[in-house]
């Protein structure tokens, strides 16, 4: 029994660390979301903001950082949702 309890406590601690790290990353991330499009074999990135243009604003290839941050934000939001669900059960 104590082995299971220790494992559960370790898992709870691990999930809480994940939650605190991802919450900070989501808070520091730029607003909006990322939309991908493929034209003539090339990937194009668009920065979509709620309430603005429907398709979003084109992100030039020179700006490599913004698409990466927006993609990481989307991933972090999914991780947050799953970790909170797992911690609640």
C-alpha atoms as a PDB file:
ATOM      1  CA  UNK A   1       0.000   0.000   0.000  1.00  0.00           C
ATOM      2  CA  UNK A   2       2.748   2.471   0.855  1.00  0.00           C
ATOM      3  CA  UNK A   3       4.371   1.853  -2.530  1.00  0.00           C
ATOM      4  CA  UNK A   4       1.196   2.834  -4.353  1.00  0.00           C
ATOM      5  CA  UNK A   5       0.726   5.894  -2.151  1.00  0.00           C
ATOM      6  CA  UNK A   6       4.306   7.019  -2.830  1.00  0.00           C
ATOM      7  CA  UNK A   7       3.835   6.532  -6.562  1.00  0.00           C
ATOM      8  CA  UNK A   8       0.630   8.567  -6.515  1.00  0.00           C
ATOM      9  CA  UNK A   9       2.287  11.362  -4.548  1.00  0.00           C
ATOM     10  CA  UNK A  10       5.213  11.424  -7.005  1.00  0.00           C
ATOM     11  CA  UNK A  11       2.780  11.559  -9.930  1.00  0.00           C
ATOM     12  CA  UNK A  12       0.849  14.393  -8.260  1.00  0.00           C
ATOM     13  CA  UNK A  13       4.062  16.331  -7.677  1.00  0.00           C
ATOM     14  CA  UNK A  14       5.160  15.765 -11.298  1.00  0.00           C
ATOM     15  CA  UNK A  15       1.800  16.970 -12.631  1.00  0.00           C
ATOM     16  CA  UNK A  16       1.889  20.074 -10.427  1.00  0.00           C
ATOM     17  CA  UNK A  17       5.366  20.938 -11.758  1.00  0.00           C
ATOM     18  CA  UNK A  18       4.155  20.475 -15.322  1.00  0.00           C
ATOM     19  CA  UNK A  19       1.134  22.691 -14.631  1.00  0.00           C
ATOM     20  CA  UNK A  20       3.178  25.507 -13.119  1.00  0.00           C
ATOM     21  CA  UNK A  21       5.709  25.451 -15.974  1.00  0.00           C
ATOM     22  CA  UNK A  22       3.111  25.365 -18.757  1.00  0.00           C
ATOM     23  CA  UNK A  23       0.929  28.050 -17.134  1.00  0.00           C
ATOM     24  CA  UNK A  24       3.939  30.375 -17.089  1.00  0.00           C
ATOM     25  CA  UNK A  25       4.739  29.603 -20.727  1.00  0.00           C
ATOM     26  CA  UNK A  26       1.135  30.189 -21.832  1.00  0.00           C
ATOM     27  CA  UNK A  27       1.013  33.471 -19.903  1.00  0.00           C
ATOM     28  CA  UNK A  28       4.208  34.695 -21.618  1.00  0.00           C
ATOM     29  CA  UNK A  29       3.115  33.547 -25.093  1.00  0.00           C
ATOM     30  CA  UNK A  30       1.879  36.007 -27.722  1.00  0.00           C
ATOM     31  CA  UNK A  31      -1.895  36.376 -28.116  1.00  0.00           C
ATOM     32  CA  UNK A  32      -3.752  34.684 -30.933  1.00  0.00           C
ATOM     33  CA  UNK A  33      -3.262  31.412 -32.739  1.00  0.00           C
ATOM     34  CA  UNK A  34      -1.372  29.963 -35.675  1.00  0.00           C
ATOM     35  CA  UNK A  35      -2.903  28.911 -38.986  1.00  0.00           C
ATOM     36  CA  UNK A  36      -0.955  26.959 -41.586  1.00  0.00           C
ATOM     37  CA  UNK A  37      -1.528  27.010 -45.317  1.00  0.00           C
ATOM     38  CA  UNK A  38       0.211  25.238 -48.156  1.00  0.00           C
ATOM     39  CA  UNK A  39       0.595  26.978 -51.492  1.00  0.00           C
ATOM     40  CA  UNK A  40       2.577  25.469 -54.375  1.00  0.00           C
ATOM     41  CA  UNK A  41       4.355  23.134 -52.007  1.00  0.00           C
ATOM     42  CA  UNK A  42       5.400  25.874 -49.572  1.00  0.00           C
ATOM     43  CA  UNK A  43       4.111  26.237 -46.022  1.00  0.00           C
ATOM     44  CA  UNK A  44       2.735  29.670 -45.119  1.00  0.00           C
ATOM     45  CA  UNK A  45       2.077  30.847 -41.572  1.00  0.00           C
ATOM     46  CA  UNK A  46      -0.743  33.170 -40.525  1.00  0.00           C
ATOM     47  CA  UNK A  47      -1.243  34.874 -37.157  1.00  0.00           C
ATOM     48  CA  UNK A  48      -4.952  34.725 -36.310  1.00  0.00           C
ATOM     49  CA  UNK A  49      -6.344  37.119 -33.713  1.00  0.00           C
ATOM     50  CA  UNK A  50      -9.904  36.835 -32.399  1.00  0.00           C
ATOM     51  CA  UNK A  51     -12.174  39.511 -33.831  1.00  0.00           C
ATOM     52  CA  UNK A  52      -9.794  40.483 -36.642  1.00  0.00           C
ATOM     53  CA  UNK A  53      -9.321  39.250 -40.215  1.00  0.00           C
ATOM     54  CA  UNK A  54     -10.855  35.874 -40.802  1.00  0.00           C
ATOM     55  CA  UNK A  55      -7.754  34.323 -42.368  1.00  0.00           C
ATOM     56  CA  UNK A  56      -5.190  36.062 -40.189  1.00  0.00           C
ATOM     57  CA  UNK A  57      -2.124  38.140 -40.995  1.00  0.00           C
ATOM     58  CA  UNK A  58       0.680  36.577 -43.018  1.00  0.00           C
ATOM     59  CA  UNK A  59       3.888  35.943 -41.057  1.00  0.00           C
ATOM     60  CA  UNK A  60       6.966  36.495 -43.246  1.00  0.00           C
ATOM     61  CA  UNK A  61       9.595  33.777 -43.426  1.00  0.00           C
ATOM     62  CA  UNK A  62      12.125  36.099 -41.772  1.00  0.00           C
ATOM     63  CA  UNK A  63      10.068  36.006 -38.566  1.00  0.00           C
ATOM     64  CA  UNK A  64      10.822  32.429 -37.464  1.00  0.00           C
ATOM     65  CA  UNK A  65      10.173  33.049 -33.777  1.00  0.00           C
ATOM     66  CA  UNK A  66       6.459  33.968 -33.843  1.00  0.00           C
ATOM     67  CA  UNK A  67       5.156  30.772 -35.506  1.00  0.00           C
ATOM     68  CA  UNK A  68       7.265  28.694 -33.143  1.00  0.00           C
ATOM     69  CA  UNK A  69       5.897  30.491 -30.068  1.00  0.00           C
ATOM     70  CA  UNK A  70       2.300  30.215 -31.295  1.00  0.00           C
ATOM     71  CA  UNK A  71       2.689  26.487 -31.999  1.00  0.00           C
ATOM     72  CA  UNK A  72       4.243  25.954 -28.562  1.00  0.00           C
ATOM     73  CA  UNK A  73       1.352  27.870 -26.995  1.00  0.00           C
ATOM     74  CA  UNK A  74      -1.204  25.585 -28.666  1.00  0.00           C
ATOM     75  CA  UNK A  75       0.695  22.521 -27.437  1.00  0.00           C
ATOM     76  CA  UNK A  76       1.005  23.910 -23.912  1.00  0.00           C
ATOM     77  CA  UNK A  77      -2.742  24.611 -23.763  1.00  0.00           C
ATOM     78  CA  UNK A  78      -3.449  20.973 -24.642  1.00  0.00           C
ATOM     79  CA  UNK A  79      -0.967  19.749 -22.030  1.00  0.00           C
ATOM     80  CA  UNK A  80      -2.574  22.013 -19.414  1.00  0.00           C
ATOM     81  CA  UNK A  81      -6.017  20.642 -20.141  1.00  0.00           C
ATOM     82  CA  UNK A  82      -4.864  17.020 -19.913  1.00  0.00           C
ATOM     83  CA  UNK A  83      -2.733  17.529 -16.796  1.00  0.00           C
ATOM     84  CA  UNK A  84      -5.561  19.332 -14.974  1.00  0.00           C
ATOM     85  CA  UNK A  85      -7.954  16.541 -15.911  1.00  0.00           C
ATOM     86  CA  UNK A  86      -5.500  13.891 -14.715  1.00  0.00           C
ATOM     87  CA  UNK A  87      -4.800  15.741 -11.464  1.00  0.00           C
ATOM     88  CA  UNK A  88      -8.528  16.147 -10.734  1.00  0.00           C
ATOM     89  CA  UNK A  89      -9.220  12.426 -10.964  1.00  0.00           C
END
